[in-house]
Amino acid sequence: MKLKWRIFLVTYIVLIAAYGIFTSVIMSSWLDSMKSAEINSVTQQNTNTVKLFHAYYIVNPTVSDFDNYFEKFKSFTNFNDMYTELSVADDSNFYVSFYGAEFSDIPVNTQQVTVYNAGSSNQIYVTAVTNISEMGQSIYIETTRYISPIFDNYSNHVKKIQMWSAIVLAISTVFILLTVHFISKPLNKLTKLSSEIAQGNRNERIKLNRFEKGIKEINELSESFNHMADCNEKYIAQLKEEYKKQEEFTGSFTHELKTPLTTIIGYSDLLRTYDLPQKERRMYAEYIYKEGKRLELLSIHLLNLLVMNNQEFTLSPMKTEILSYDLKSATAFLPKKYSVNLDFYFEKDVVMCEPSLLKTLIMNLVDNGCKASDNGGRVSVVGKREQGFYTVSVVDHGAGIPEKEIKKITEPFYMVDKSRSRKQGGAGLGLALCSKIALIHGTRLEITSQLGKGTTVSLKLKRADIKSTTEVTNHEI
């Protein structure tokens, strides 16, 4: 069963039950109040009749004919809607009213009241009987009233209420159906929209009209659904982007493996097949060695990337003068290798870092700067204190990077100048590795470059608390 029909049935049943209980309580209360009023009226009349009888007896103290006396008394005590009866009690102390109600053991000066049917269900009376002692006799004074009209009125009112109830329930049915329809309409929209999104139409969103927006829960549900759809669309876009990057990574990796392997296999086949002169054999062996070293570098970088993705690192304080000294020692061969000038300038401070990874990052940046520089060019490594952090920058004055390429250069295997990079032994993984190391340090690489003027790569490190300088240890590469 659909939700809207469940809501309709539950609401309708609750409405009928509540309305039935309400009308039943109201009508029962009305009938009880009318009966109580009639009973009170009869008992009061009976009490007044007893008092009148006492007064009448004082005026006429000597009576020999009781029946005649009673008839005279009843003549001025009977009313149109009440009947008065007087009789002398016999030895059985049992009294039957004029319309058949039975009373027994009524003590002297005591009143009893009863409501009863006189022969049929539509002949209802209320009778009050008082036992008094006068004229040396025990006398029963009866007051009876016919109260069937109040039950007739009750039945008529019940019929009217039933008629109006049917009208009210019919109107309520229409109102409930309309309300349930408008409440369930947004849910139907959600169901339809879910199917469309599942089929691939991820741009669809639920739209509510003014009435539907007025229902707070429906409005919140639709907003949550639209937010979920936005997040799913964004997440799917990210997955597509990641999948695209994985495909590009796989293609680039395959290509980077294929090139040196082709060279190695080709020159190895020449050495294996032909008896070549010593000079050519040495030259071919040199080609094989260089390509083998490039494969080794490629595997090392890939391994480092995998390790950094699956390992947690702890940052510790390190003095920048020690960092500068270690870097100078580790890069001393680069100026001669690339025919460049290499400068280091570090302001004294203490930074939070993973020493070996930070040195690897800076050495990669320095190596890239040297490769990008012409002979006699200058590469500078500068460390400066700033408020809250410490900035390390590697500056070269080489070829520079096109602006549209800057965002891509940290992707694995991406090279701005592929032929130059391969000639210099590059694998296209250095900046990807540096970017991962920067993330481990809670920062990122900031790259600015101009074609023909050079490139600056900076990162901001967290400065260590001064108190921690006493715990700084000497790190070496």
Protein backbone atom coordinates (compact mmCIF):
# COMPACT_ATOMS: atom_id res chain seq x y z
CA MET A 1 0.00 0.00 0.00
CA LYS A 2 1.28 3.44 -0.90
CA LEU A 3 2.26 5.82 1.87
CA LYS A 4 -0.41 8.39 1.01
CA TRP A 5 -3.16 5.78 1.35
CA ARG A 6 -1.74 4.63 4.66
CA ILE A 7 -1.70 8.22 5.90
CA PHE A 8 -5.28 8.70 4.65
CA LEU A 9 -6.61 5.52 6.30
CA VAL A 10 -4.87 6.18 9.62
CA THR A 11 -6.02 9.81 9.69
CA TYR A 12 -9.57 8.85 8.66
CA ILE A 13 -9.84 6.09 11.29
CA VAL A 14 -8.47 8.38 14.01
CA LEU A 15 -10.91 11.12 12.93
CA ILE A 16 -13.91 8.77 12.99
CA ALA A 17 -12.91 7.32 16.38
CA ALA A 18 -12.28 10.77 17.88
CA TYR A 19 -15.52 12.20 16.48
CA GLY A 20 -17.53 9.15 17.62
CA ILE A 21 -16.08 9.27 21.14
CA PHE A 22 -16.64 13.03 21.35
CA THR A 23 -20.28 12.93 20.24
CA SER A 24 -20.97 9.87 22.43
CA VAL A 25 -19.56 11.60 25.51
CA ILE A 26 -21.45 14.83 24.74
CA MET A 27 -24.78 13.11 24.15
CA SER A 28 -24.38 10.82 27.16
CA SER A 29 -23.57 13.83 29.32
CA TRP A 30 -26.63 15.65 27.96
CA LEU A 31 -28.91 12.68 28.61
CA ASP A 32 -27.52 12.21 32.13
CA SER A 33 -27.98 15.90 32.92
CA MET A 34 -31.60 15.81 31.66
CA LYS A 35 -32.35 12.66 33.70
CA SER A 36 -30.75 14.23 36.76
CA ALA A 37 -32.84 17.35 36.29
CA GLU A 38 -36.05 15.27 36.04
CA ILE A 39 -35.11 13.19 39.08
CA ASN A 40 -34.32 16.30 41.10
CA SER A 41 -37.59 17.88 40.03
CA VAL A 42 -39.60 14.78 41.08
CA THR A 43 -37.79 14.38 44.41
CA GLN A 44 -38.26 18.09 45.17
CA GLN A 45 -41.95 17.87 44.29
CA ASN A 46 -42.31 14.78 46.45
CA THR A 47 -40.61 16.57 49.36
CA ASN A 48 -42.93 19.57 48.93
CA THR A 49 -45.95 17.27 48.81
CA VAL A 50 -44.90 15.66 52.11
CA LYS A 51 -44.60 19.10 53.72
CA LEU A 52 -47.97 20.13 52.32
CA PHE A 53 -49.51 16.94 53.64
CA HIS A 54 -48.25 17.70 57.14
CA ALA A 55 -49.66 21.22 56.91
CA TYR A 56 -53.00 19.99 55.61
CA TYR A 57 -53.25 17.47 58.40
CA ILE A 58 -52.74 20.17 61.03
CA VAL A 59 -55.73 22.05 59.61
CA ASN A 60 -57.84 18.87 59.46
CA PRO A 61 -56.66 16.78 62.44
CA THR A 62 -59.68 14.45 62.65
CA VAL A 63 -60.37 12.36 59.63
CA SER A 64 -62.28 9.09 59.60
CA ASP A 65 -62.46 8.43 55.86
CA PHE A 66 -58.87 8.12 54.59
CA ASP A 67 -59.82 7.57 50.96
CA ASN A 68 -61.94 10.69 50.86
CA TYR A 69 -59.23 12.63 52.62
CA PHE A 70 -56.60 11.46 50.17
CA GLU A 71 -58.73 12.34 47.17
CA LYS A 72 -59.28 15.85 48.44
CA PHE A 73 -55.56 16.26 49.06
CA LYS A 74 -54.61 14.91 45.62
CA SER A 75 -57.04 17.27 43.94
CA PHE A 76 -54.87 20.26 44.67
CA THR A 77 -51.45 18.55 44.51
CA ASN A 78 -51.65 16.88 41.07
CA PHE A 79 -50.20 18.75 38.10
CA ASN A 80 -50.37 18.17 34.37
CA ASP A 81 -46.91 16.62 34.19
CA MET A 82 -46.79 14.96 37.62
CA TYR A 83 -49.00 12.47 39.39
CA THR A 84 -49.43 12.20 43.18
CA GLU A 85 -50.69 9.08 44.95
CA LEU A 86 -51.22 8.43 48.68
CA SER A 87 -51.85 5.07 50.34
CA VAL A 88 -51.71 3.49 53.78
CA ALA A 89 -49.00 0.91 54.24
CA ASP A 90 -49.99 -2.68 55.02
CA ASP A 91 -48.18 -5.19 57.18
CA SER A 92 -45.93 -6.38 54.30
CA ASN A 93 -44.12 -3.02 54.19
CA PHE A 94 -44.14 -3.42 50.39
CA TYR A 95 -45.32 -0.71 48.02
CA VAL A 96 -46.12 -0.81 44.29
CA SER A 97 -46.42 2.53 42.49
CA PHE A 98 -49.27 3.52 40.21
CA TYR A 99 -47.25 2.46 37.11
CA GLY A 100 -45.87 -0.71 38.61
CA ALA A 101 -42.55 0.29 40.25
CA GLU A 102 -41.86 -1.84 43.32
CA PHE A 103 -40.50 -0.45 46.61
CA SER A 104 -39.77 -2.43 49.77
CA ASP A 105 -38.57 -1.72 53.28
CA ILE A 106 -38.81 2.06 53.09
CA PRO A 107 -38.01 3.38 56.59
CA VAL A 108 -40.29 6.07 58.11
CA ASN A 109 -39.46 9.62 56.95
CA THR A 110 -37.26 8.23 54.16
CA GLN A 111 -37.46 8.85 50.41
CA GLN A 112 -36.63 6.41 47.59
CA VAL A 113 -36.41 7.23 43.88
CA THR A 114 -36.36 5.00 40.78
CA VAL A 115 -36.47 5.33 36.96
CA TYR A 116 -38.25 2.49 35.15
CA ASN A 117 -40.14 1.31 32.08
CA ALA A 118 -43.85 0.86 32.49
CA GLY A 119 -44.63 -2.06 30.23
CA SER A 120 -42.73 -0.87 27.10
CA SER A 121 -39.37 0.71 26.26
CA ASN A 122 -40.97 4.02 25.26
CA GLN A 123 -42.97 4.42 28.52
CA ILE A 124 -40.37 5.71 30.99
CA TYR A 125 -41.20 7.19 34.38
CA VAL A 126 -39.41 8.49 37.42
CA THR A 127 -41.07 7.88 40.78
CA ALA A 128 -40.19 9.19 44.26
CA VAL A 129 -41.85 7.56 47.32
CA THR A 130 -41.67 8.86 50.93
CA ASN A 131 -42.85 6.89 53.96
CA ILE A 132 -44.36 9.16 56.68
CA SER A 133 -46.23 8.49 59.90
CA GLU A 134 -49.46 10.50 60.35
CA MET A 135 -52.87 9.90 61.81
CA GLY A 136 -51.49 6.85 63.56
CA GLN A 137 -50.73 5.23 60.21
CA SER A 138 -47.71 4.64 57.95
CA ILE A 139 -48.52 6.50 54.76
CA TYR A 140 -46.73 6.32 51.36
CA ILE A 141 -46.70 9.54 49.35
CA GLU A 142 -45.80 8.92 45.70
CA THR A 143 -44.82 11.47 43.06
CA THR A 144 -44.44 10.18 39.46
CA ARG A 145 -43.46 11.92 36.24
CA TYR A 146 -43.48 10.76 32.65
CA ILE A 147 -39.97 11.39 31.20
CA SER A 148 -40.11 9.55 27.86
CA PRO A 149 -39.99 12.87 25.93
CA ILE A 150 -36.38 13.48 26.98
CA PHE A 151 -35.42 10.09 25.51
CA ASP A 152 -37.34 10.93 22.37
CA ASN A 153 -35.45 14.21 22.19
CA TYR A 154 -32.24 12.30 22.73
CA SER A 155 -33.02 9.96 19.81
CA ASN A 156 -33.87 12.92 17.58
CA HIS A 157 -30.63 14.67 18.48
CA VAL A 158 -28.66 11.47 17.81
CA LYS A 159 -30.22 11.22 14.32
CA LYS A 160 -29.36 14.86 13.60
CA ILE A 161 -25.81 14.34 14.84
CA GLN A 162 -25.46 11.24 12.67
CA MET A 163 -26.63 13.22 9.65
CA TRP A 164 -24.24 16.09 10.35
CA SER A 165 -21.49 13.61 11.13
CA ALA A 166 -21.89 12.07 7.71
CA ILE A 167 -21.65 15.52 6.12
CA VAL A 168 -18.62 16.49 8.22
CA LEU A 169 -16.89 13.18 7.49
CA ALA A 170 -17.56 13.57 3.77
CA ILE A 171 -16.02 17.06 3.81
CA SER A 172 -13.16 15.79 5.98
CA THR A 173 -12.54 12.94 3.55
CA VAL A 174 -12.11 15.36 0.67
CA PHE A 175 -9.90 17.63 2.79
CA ILE A 176 -7.73 14.72 3.99
CA LEU A 177 -7.36 13.37 0.44
CA LEU A 178 -6.25 16.77 -0.85
CA THR A 179 -3.85 17.26 2.07
CA VAL A 180 -2.34 13.79 1.67
CA HIS A 181 -2.02 14.38 -2.08
CA PHE A 182 -0.11 17.64 -1.62
CA ILE A 183 2.07 16.13 1.12
CA SER A 184 2.92 13.02 -0.93
CA LYS A 185 3.48 14.96 -4.17
CA PRO A 186 7.05 16.05 -3.18
CA LEU A 187 7.79 12.45 -2.18
CA ASN A 188 6.67 11.31 -5.63
CA LYS A 189 8.97 13.96 -7.09
CA LEU A 190 11.84 12.57 -5.02
CA THR A 191 11.10 9.04 -6.22
CA LYS A 192 10.95 10.13 -9.85
CA LEU A 193 14.08 12.24 -9.50
CA SER A 194 15.96 9.34 -7.86
CA SER A 195 15.13 7.15 -10.85
CA GLU A 196 16.31 9.83 -13.28
CA ILE A 197 19.58 10.29 -11.37
CA ALA A 198 20.05 6.52 -11.26
CA GLN A 199 19.66 6.47 -15.05
CA GLY A 200 22.46 9.03 -15.40
CA ASN A 201 20.61 12.36 -15.49
CA ARG A 202 22.56 13.86 -12.58
CA ASN A 203 21.72 17.49 -13.36
CA GLU A 204 18.07 17.18 -12.28
CA ARG A 205 17.03 18.71 -8.94
CA ILE A 206 13.73 18.73 -7.06
CA LYS A 207 11.73 21.96 -7.27
CA LEU A 208 8.93 22.76 -4.81
CA ASN A 209 6.03 25.14 -5.22
CA ARG A 210 5.10 27.75 -2.62
CA PHE A 211 2.69 25.43 -0.80
CA GLU A 212 5.24 22.60 -0.63
CA LYS A 213 7.95 24.96 0.62
CA GLY A 214 5.59 25.99 3.42
CA ILE A 215 5.82 22.47 4.88
CA LYS A 216 9.06 22.67 6.86
CA GLU A 217 9.84 18.95 6.88
CA ILE A 218 9.21 18.57 3.13
CA ASN A 219 11.31 21.65 2.39
CA GLU A 220 14.19 20.37 4.55
CA LEU A 221 13.95 16.92 2.94
CA SER A 222 14.08 18.39 -0.58
CA GLU A 223 17.04 20.62 0.34
CA SER A 224 18.87 17.63 1.84
CA PHE A 225 18.13 15.57 -1.27
CA ASN A 226 19.38 18.32 -3.59
CA HIS A 227 22.49 18.72 -1.44
CA MET A 228 23.07 14.96 -1.61
CA ALA A 229 22.64 15.07 -5.40
CA ASP A 230 25.13 17.96 -5.63
CA CYS A 231 27.63 16.05 -3.49
CA ASN A 232 27.15 12.89 -5.55
CA GLU A 233 27.64 14.83 -8.78
CA LYS A 234 30.78 16.41 -7.38
CA TYR A 235 32.02 13.06 -6.10
CA ILE A 236 31.36 11.38 -9.46
CA ALA A 237 33.22 14.22 -11.20
CA GLN A 238 36.14 13.66 -8.82
CA LEU A 239 36.05 9.92 -9.52
CA LYS A 240 36.07 10.60 -13.25
CA GLU A 241 38.98 12.97 -12.80
CA GLU A 242 40.84 10.40 -10.70
CA TYR A 243 40.10 7.70 -13.25
CA LYS A 244 41.34 9.97 -16.02
CA LYS A 245 44.52 10.67 -14.03
CA GLN A 246 45.01 6.94 -13.45
CA GLU A 247 44.64 6.28 -17.16
CA GLU A 248 47.10 9.07 -17.93
CA PHE A 249 49.45 7.76 -15.26
CA THR A 250 49.27 4.24 -16.67
CA GLY A 251 49.84 5.50 -20.21
CA SER A 252 52.72 7.75 -19.17
CA PHE A 253 54.29 5.04 -17.03
CA THR A 254 54.06 2.54 -19.88
CA HIS A 255 55.61 5.06 -22.25
CA GLU A 256 58.40 5.93 -19.80
CA LEU A 257 59.19 2.24 -19.41
CA LYS A 258 59.01 1.52 -23.12
CA THR A 259 61.50 4.19 -24.20
CA PRO A 260 64.51 3.06 -22.11
CA LEU A 261 63.62 -0.61 -22.56
CA THR A 262 63.58 -0.18 -26.33
CA THR A 263 67.03 1.44 -26.14
CA ILE A 264 68.39 -1.25 -23.82
CA ILE A 265 66.98 -4.13 -25.91
CA GLY A 266 68.15 -2.56 -29.19
CA TYR A 267 71.73 -1.91 -28.13
CA SER A 268 71.91 -5.22 -26.26
CA ASP A 269 70.85 -7.03 -29.43
CA LEU A 270 73.58 -5.23 -31.39
CA LEU A 271 76.21 -6.26 -28.82
CA ARG A 272 74.89 -9.82 -28.80
CA THR A 273 74.57 -10.22 -32.55
CA TYR A 274 77.63 -8.45 -34.02
CA ASP A 275 81.30 -8.47 -33.26
CA LEU A 276 81.69 -4.69 -32.96
CA PRO A 277 84.82 -2.63 -32.48
CA GLN A 278 85.76 -1.80 -28.91
CA LYS A 279 84.82 1.89 -29.27
CA GLU A 280 81.29 1.09 -30.50
CA ARG A 281 80.81 -1.59 -27.86
CA ARG A 282 81.77 0.93 -25.17
CA MET A 283 79.43 3.56 -26.62
CA TYR A 284 76.50 1.13 -26.77
CA ALA A 285 77.22 -0.06 -23.24
CA GLU A 286 77.15 3.58 -22.13
CA TYR A 287 73.68 4.01 -23.70
CA ILE A 288 72.47 0.87 -21.94
CA TYR A 289 73.91 2.11 -18.62
CA LYS A 290 72.21 5.53 -18.85
CA GLU A 291 68.83 4.06 -19.72
CA GLY A 292 69.21 1.51 -16.92
CA LYS A 293 69.98 4.33 -14.46
CA ARG A 294 66.86 6.16 -15.69
CA LEU A 295 64.76 3.05 -15.04
CA GLU A 296 66.33 2.80 -11.58
CA LEU A 297 65.47 6.44 -10.85
CA LEU A 298 61.94 5.88 -12.11
CA SER A 299 61.44 2.88 -9.81
CA ILE A 300 62.89 4.75 -6.82
CA HIS A 301 60.54 7.69 -7.33
CA LEU A 302 57.54 5.42 -7.76
CA LEU A 303 58.47 3.53 -4.61
CA ASN A 304 58.82 6.79 -2.69
CA LEU A 305 55.39 7.93 -3.88
CA LEU A 306 53.83 4.64 -2.71
CA VAL A 307 55.58 4.83 0.66
CA MET A 308 54.41 8.39 1.29
CA ASN A 309 50.81 7.46 0.42
CA ASN A 310 50.77 4.60 2.94
CA GLN A 311 53.00 5.76 5.80
CA GLU A 312 52.58 8.27 8.59
CA PHE A 313 55.42 10.65 9.37
CA THR A 314 56.22 12.58 12.54
CA LEU A 315 57.51 16.15 12.32
CA SER A 316 60.33 17.18 14.65
CA PRO A 317 62.20 20.48 15.24
CA MET A 318 65.32 21.16 13.18
CA LYS A 319 67.66 24.15 13.11
CA THR A 320 67.82 25.86 9.73
CA GLU A 321 71.62 26.32 9.91
CA ILE A 322 71.96 22.52 10.14
CA LEU A 323 69.50 22.13 7.26
CA SER A 324 71.54 24.61 5.18
CA TYR A 325 74.81 22.83 5.96
CA ASP A 326 73.41 19.40 5.03
CA LEU A 327 71.98 20.73 1.76
CA LYS A 328 75.26 22.40 0.78
CA SER A 329 77.10 19.14 1.39
CA ALA A 330 74.57 17.03 -0.53
CA THR A 331 74.46 19.34 -3.58
CA ALA A 332 78.14 20.25 -3.85
CA PHE A 333 78.49 18.26 -7.08
CA LEU A 334 75.63 20.01 -8.91
CA PRO A 335 77.42 23.26 -9.90
CA LYS A 336 80.12 21.29 -11.70
CA LYS A 337 77.62 18.83 -13.23
CA TYR A 338 75.36 21.55 -14.71
CA SER A 339 77.87 24.42 -14.96
CA VAL A 340 75.79 26.71 -12.74
CA ASN A 341 76.31 28.79 -9.60
CA LEU A 342 74.51 27.57 -6.47
CA ASP A 343 73.88 29.85 -3.44
CA PHE A 344 72.39 29.14 -0.01
CA TYR A 345 71.08 31.75 2.41
CA PHE A 346 69.14 30.64 5.50
CA GLU A 347 68.08 32.88 8.36
CA LYS A 348 68.55 31.19 11.71
CA ASP A 349 65.40 29.59 13.07
CA VAL A 350 63.93 26.25 14.07
CA VAL A 351 61.31 24.58 11.86
CA MET A 352 59.05 21.56 12.25
CA CYS A 353 59.85 18.98 9.57
CA GLU A 354 60.66 15.39 8.69
CA PRO A 355 64.39 16.03 8.00
CA SER A 356 65.10 13.41 5.35
CA LEU A 357 61.93 14.17 3.37
CA LEU A 358 62.45 17.93 3.55
CA LYS A 359 66.01 17.57 2.27
CA THR A 360 64.76 15.31 -0.55
CA LEU A 361 62.18 17.94 -1.50
CA ILE A 362 64.66 20.84 -1.58
CA MET A 363 67.32 18.80 -3.40
CA ASN A 364 64.76 17.88 -6.10
CA LEU A 365 63.84 21.54 -6.51
CA VAL A 366 67.52 22.53 -6.68
CA ASP A 367 68.20 19.79 -9.25
CA ASN A 368 65.25 20.99 -11.37
CA GLY A 369 66.48 24.59 -11.10
CA CYS A 370 69.97 23.57 -12.26
CA LYS A 371 68.55 21.61 -15.20
CA ALA A 372 66.42 24.58 -16.26
CA SER A 373 69.38 27.02 -16.10
CA ASP A 374 71.80 27.78 -18.90
CA ASN A 375 75.53 27.41 -18.44
CA GLY A 376 76.76 30.01 -15.97
CA GLY A 377 73.25 30.54 -14.59
CA ARG A 378 72.50 31.03 -10.89
CA VAL A 379 70.27 29.01 -8.58
CA SER A 380 69.54 30.35 -5.09
CA VAL A 381 68.06 28.60 -2.04
CA VAL A 382 66.69 31.12 0.45
CA GLY A 383 65.16 30.63 3.89
CA LYS A 384 63.39 33.53 5.61
CA ARG A 385 61.53 33.96 8.87
CA GLU A 386 57.99 35.24 8.59
CA GLN A 387 55.21 35.68 11.14
CA GLY A 388 54.06 32.24 12.15
CA PHE A 389 56.04 30.31 9.54
CA TYR A 390 59.35 29.93 7.75
CA THR A 391 59.56 30.21 3.94
CA VAL A 392 62.05 28.21 1.87
CA SER A 393 62.36 29.27 -1.79
CA VAL A 394 64.37 27.83 -4.68
CA VAL A 395 64.96 30.48 -7.37
CA ASP A 396 66.42 29.95 -10.81
CA HIS A 397 66.81 32.26 -13.81
CA GLY A 398 66.37 29.65 -16.48
CA ALA A 399 63.86 28.93 -19.26
CA GLY A 400 60.71 29.37 -17.13
CA ILE A 401 57.36 27.57 -17.38
CA PRO A 402 54.30 28.61 -19.47
CA GLU A 403 51.47 29.82 -17.22
CA LYS A 404 49.01 27.19 -18.46
CA GLU A 405 51.50 24.44 -17.60
CA ILE A 406 52.11 25.44 -13.97
CA LYS A 407 49.05 23.59 -12.60
CA LYS A 408 50.07 20.38 -14.37
CA ILE A 409 53.74 20.12 -13.51
CA THR A 410 53.10 18.36 -10.15
CA GLU A 411 51.27 15.52 -11.92
CA PRO A 412 53.24 12.27 -12.28
CA PHE A 413 55.21 11.95 -15.56
CA TYR A 414 54.28 15.45 -16.69
CA MET A 415 57.19 17.27 -18.37
CA VAL A 416 57.13 20.73 -19.91
CA ASP A 417 60.04 19.89 -22.24
CA LYS A 418 60.04 16.10 -22.57
CA SER A 419 63.11 15.83 -24.82
CA ARG A 420 65.20 18.03 -22.55
CA SER A 421 64.02 16.21 -19.41
CA ARG A 422 64.83 12.78 -20.80
CA LYS A 423 68.19 13.98 -22.08
CA GLN A 424 69.03 15.12 -18.55
CA GLY A 425 67.82 11.86 -17.01
CA GLY A 426 64.45 13.11 -15.73
CA ALA A 427 61.50 10.77 -15.18
CA GLY A 428 58.74 13.36 -14.63
CA LEU A 429 58.14 12.27 -11.03
CA GLY A 430 60.31 14.75 -9.12
CA LEU A 431 57.71 17.50 -8.61
CA ALA A 432 54.97 14.95 -7.92
CA LEU A 433 57.19 13.59 -5.15
CA CYS A 434 57.88 17.13 -3.87
CA SER A 435 54.17 17.91 -3.80
CA LYS A 436 53.50 14.82 -1.66
CA ILE A 437 56.28 15.77 0.76
CA ALA A 438 54.88 19.30 1.05
CA LEU A 439 51.46 17.87 1.98
CA ILE A 440 53.08 15.76 4.69
CA HIS A 441 54.45 19.03 6.13
CA GLY A 442 50.98 20.61 6.06
CA THR A 443 51.81 22.97 3.22
CA ARG A 444 51.91 23.09 -0.58
CA LEU A 445 54.27 24.19 -3.31
CA GLU A 446 53.80 27.75 -4.49
CA ILE A 447 55.13 28.09 -8.05
CA THR A 448 55.59 31.35 -9.91
CA SER A 449 57.32 31.49 -13.29
CA GLN A 450 57.87 33.62 -16.37
CA LEU A 451 59.10 32.36 -19.71
CA GLY A 452 62.72 33.32 -20.29
CA LYS A 453 63.09 34.83 -16.79
CA GLY A 454 63.04 31.86 -14.46
CA THR A 455 61.00 30.06 -11.82
CA THR A 456 60.53 30.36 -8.06
CA VAL A 457 59.20 27.43 -6.02
CA SER A 458 58.37 28.15 -2.36
CA LEU A 459 56.91 26.32 0.61
CA LYS A 460 55.97 27.53 4.06
CA LEU A 461 57.07 25.50 7.08
CA LYS A 462 55.73 25.77 10.59
CA ARG A 463 58.16 27.38 13.00
CA ALA A 464 58.96 25.37 16.12
CA ASP A 465 58.28 26.63 19.62
CA ILE A 466 61.40 28.31 21.08
CA LYS A 467 61.27 25.92 24.05
CA SER A 468 61.67 23.00 21.70
CA THR A 469 65.06 24.21 20.45
CA THR A 470 66.72 22.48 23.42
CA GLU A 471 65.47 19.16 22.04
CA VAL A 472 66.73 19.71 18.49
CA THR A 473 69.08 17.00 17.29
CA ASN A 474 71.65 17.17 14.55
CA HIS A 475 70.23 15.57 11.35
CA GLU A 476 72.44 14.55 8.50
CA ILE A 477 71.70 13.14 5.09
